[in-house]
Amino acid sequence: MESSLSDDTLQGGCFCKRVRYIIKTARPPLLSAYCHCSRCQRLFGTPFVHTIHLPPLSFQWETSPTPISEVTDEFVVIGVKHRYRCKTCGTHIASWNEAKEKWSVWGATLDRDDDNKIVGWEWAKPTDHQFYGTRMLDIPDGLDKWDGYAHQSKAIDSPS
């Protein structure tokens, strides 16, 4: 089956491929960063995640005959942040922040090519590390490190 998506879109979804989404890439993401906050560490069971923040019209659930509410569990974090995960495989797929009116997806859920590389990496690649003060390990990759959100908090000097 041939995709009807244009060159300015990316796709992603959960591990079992039951839940899918589409990102319109005509504009850059609001933020693409590695997040080291303690909330992400606990939710994902990992030292950090690659988070991509998107304006509302850049994200959509892929159209399918099954409503998204039947294939995802929705749970609320801190009152305004709705997170969605697949009911079948448990993958965290996206979140909607109603206060900031933005979607977030995780880079690891983007589709991959035949070489297992993330499709659209140049568009999606992280530019910073955020909440680096609560990191579990040092990442000497040359990206800027921030105490909170990138460019909205104090910069952290990376250890030599």
Protein backbone atom coordinates (compact mmCIF):
# COMPACT_ATOMS: atom_id res chain seq x y z
CA MET A 1 0.00 0.00 0.00
CA GLU A 2 1.50 3.34 -1.05
CA SER A 3 1.55 6.21 1.45
CA SER A 4 -0.44 9.32 0.59
CA LEU A 5 1.77 11.46 2.85
CA SER A 6 3.78 14.32 1.43
CA ASP A 7 7.49 14.98 1.83
CA ASP A 8 6.79 17.43 4.64
CA THR A 9 5.45 14.81 7.05
CA LEU A 10 6.93 12.24 9.39
CA GLN A 11 5.20 9.28 10.97
CA GLY A 12 5.63 7.39 14.17
CA GLY A 13 3.86 5.19 16.64
CA CYS A 14 4.07 2.50 19.24
CA PHE A 15 6.10 -0.71 19.27
CA CYS A 16 3.27 -2.95 18.05
CA LYS A 17 2.21 -0.39 15.38
CA ARG A 18 -1.41 -0.33 16.56
CA VAL A 19 -1.25 3.39 17.40
CA ARG A 20 0.16 5.76 14.78
CA TYR A 21 0.63 9.50 14.37
CA ILE A 22 1.63 12.02 11.70
CA ILE A 23 3.77 15.14 12.15
CA LYS A 24 3.65 18.00 9.66
CA THR A 25 7.24 19.22 9.31
CA ALA A 26 6.76 22.42 7.29
CA ARG A 27 7.98 24.34 10.36
CA PRO A 28 10.65 23.26 12.84
CA PRO A 29 9.57 21.79 16.18
CA LEU A 30 8.97 24.19 19.06
CA LEU A 31 11.65 22.23 20.93
CA SER A 32 13.67 19.10 20.30
CA ALA A 33 15.83 18.21 23.27
CA TYR A 34 17.06 15.46 25.51
CA CYS A 35 15.05 15.71 28.74
CA HIS A 36 16.69 14.67 32.01
CA CYS A 37 13.82 15.65 34.35
CA SER A 38 12.97 13.27 37.17
CA ARG A 39 9.39 12.91 35.84
CA CYS A 40 10.63 11.55 32.48
CA GLN A 41 13.15 9.34 34.26
CA ARG A 42 10.36 7.75 36.30
CA LEU A 43 7.77 7.55 33.50
CA PHE A 44 10.15 5.93 31.02
CA GLY A 45 12.57 4.15 33.38
CA THR A 46 15.56 5.65 31.60
CA PRO A 47 18.13 8.38 32.37
CA PHE A 48 16.74 10.71 29.67
CA VAL A 49 14.37 10.86 26.69
CA HIS A 50 14.33 12.73 23.38
CA THR A 51 11.27 14.99 23.50
CA ILE A 52 9.89 16.89 20.53
CA HIS A 53 7.36 19.67 21.22
CA LEU A 54 4.91 20.61 18.46
CA PRO A 55 2.24 23.23 17.83
CA PRO A 56 -1.31 21.80 17.78
CA LEU A 57 -1.74 21.75 14.01
CA SER A 58 1.57 19.92 13.43
CA PHE A 59 0.39 16.71 15.14
CA GLN A 60 -2.47 14.37 14.32
CA TRP A 61 -3.37 10.82 15.11
CA GLU A 62 -3.22 8.71 11.98
CA THR A 63 -6.69 8.04 10.63
CA SER A 64 -7.85 4.50 11.28
CA PRO A 65 -11.18 2.76 11.59
CA THR A 66 -10.62 2.41 15.35
CA PRO A 67 -11.04 5.59 17.46
CA ILE A 68 -7.85 6.62 19.26
CA SER A 69 -9.66 6.34 22.61
CA GLU A 70 -10.11 2.60 22.03
CA VAL A 71 -6.42 1.88 21.40
CA THR A 72 -4.76 4.23 23.92
CA ASP A 73 -4.84 4.75 27.64
CA GLU A 74 -4.96 8.41 28.58
CA PHE A 75 -3.67 9.54 31.94
CA VAL A 76 -3.20 13.02 33.35
CA VAL A 77 0.04 14.27 34.86
CA ILE A 78 0.10 17.54 36.85
CA GLY A 79 -3.51 18.38 35.94
CA VAL A 80 -2.94 19.80 32.43
CA LYS A 81 -0.72 17.26 30.71
CA HIS A 82 -2.54 14.35 29.09
CA ARG A 83 -0.32 11.41 28.17
CA TYR A 84 -1.26 8.65 25.75
CA ARG A 85 0.11 5.12 25.62
CA CYS A 86 -0.83 2.07 23.60
CA LYS A 87 -3.23 -0.28 25.38
CA THR A 88 -1.58 -3.28 23.71
CA CYS A 89 2.20 -2.77 24.06
CA GLY A 90 2.32 0.06 26.65
CA THR A 91 4.50 2.42 24.60
CA HIS A 92 4.19 6.08 25.60
CA ILE A 93 3.33 7.78 22.32
CA ALA A 94 2.38 11.42 22.82
CA SER A 95 1.23 14.01 25.31
CA TRP A 96 -1.00 17.07 25.06
CA ASN A 97 -0.33 20.02 27.35
CA GLU A 98 -3.61 21.92 27.50
CA ALA A 99 -2.11 24.91 29.35
CA LYS A 100 0.64 25.45 26.74
CA GLU A 101 -1.44 24.09 23.85
CA LYS A 102 1.26 21.85 22.45
CA TRP A 103 1.81 18.21 21.62
CA SER A 104 4.93 16.25 22.52
CA VAL A 105 6.20 13.03 21.01
CA TRP A 106 9.34 11.06 21.78
CA GLY A 107 12.03 10.73 19.16
CA ALA A 108 12.34 7.00 19.68
CA THR A 109 8.75 6.55 18.43
CA LEU A 110 9.49 8.05 15.00
CA ASP A 111 9.58 5.62 12.08
CA ARG A 112 12.92 4.17 10.99
CA ASP A 113 14.35 3.33 7.60
CA ASP A 114 15.79 -0.01 6.41
CA ASP A 115 19.07 0.78 8.22
CA ASN A 116 17.11 1.39 11.45
CA LYS A 117 17.88 5.14 11.35
CA ILE A 118 15.17 7.61 12.35
CA VAL A 119 13.42 8.99 9.28
CA GLY A 120 13.64 12.79 9.27
CA TRP A 121 16.52 12.92 11.76
CA GLU A 122 17.80 16.28 10.49
CA TRP A 123 14.40 17.83 11.29
CA ALA A 124 13.92 15.99 14.59
CA LYS A 125 17.42 15.83 16.10
CA PRO A 126 17.85 17.34 19.56
CA THR A 127 19.56 20.71 19.89
CA ASP A 128 19.92 20.86 23.70
CA HIS A 129 19.73 18.99 26.99
CA GLN A 130 17.07 20.24 29.44
CA PHE A 131 16.76 19.67 33.18
CA TYR A 132 20.42 18.63 33.09
CA GLY A 133 20.77 19.41 36.80
CA THR A 134 18.88 16.18 37.58
CA ARG A 135 20.83 14.06 35.08
CA MET A 136 21.85 10.56 35.99
CA LEU A 137 24.94 10.64 33.75
CA ASP A 138 27.06 13.18 31.90
CA ILE A 139 26.62 13.43 28.14
CA PRO A 140 29.72 14.98 26.47
CA ASP A 141 28.10 15.62 23.08
CA GLY A 142 28.72 19.35 22.66
CA LEU A 143 25.03 20.31 22.92
CA ASP A 144 24.02 23.11 25.29
CA LYS A 145 22.91 22.01 28.74
CA TRP A 146 20.16 23.82 30.70
CA ASP A 147 18.93 23.71 34.30
CA GLY A 148 15.30 23.76 33.08
CA TYR A 149 13.77 24.25 29.68
CA ALA A 150 16.23 25.09 26.90
CA HIS A 151 16.84 28.83 26.46
CA GLN A 152 14.41 29.58 29.31
CA SER A 153 16.63 28.71 32.26
CA LYS A 154 20.20 28.91 33.47
CA ALA A 155 22.85 27.32 31.25
CA ILE A 156 24.90 24.57 32.89
CA ASP A 157 28.57 24.23 32.13
CA SER A 158 29.35 20.69 31.07
CA PRO A 159 32.04 18.89 33.06
CA SER A 160 35.40 18.60 31.31
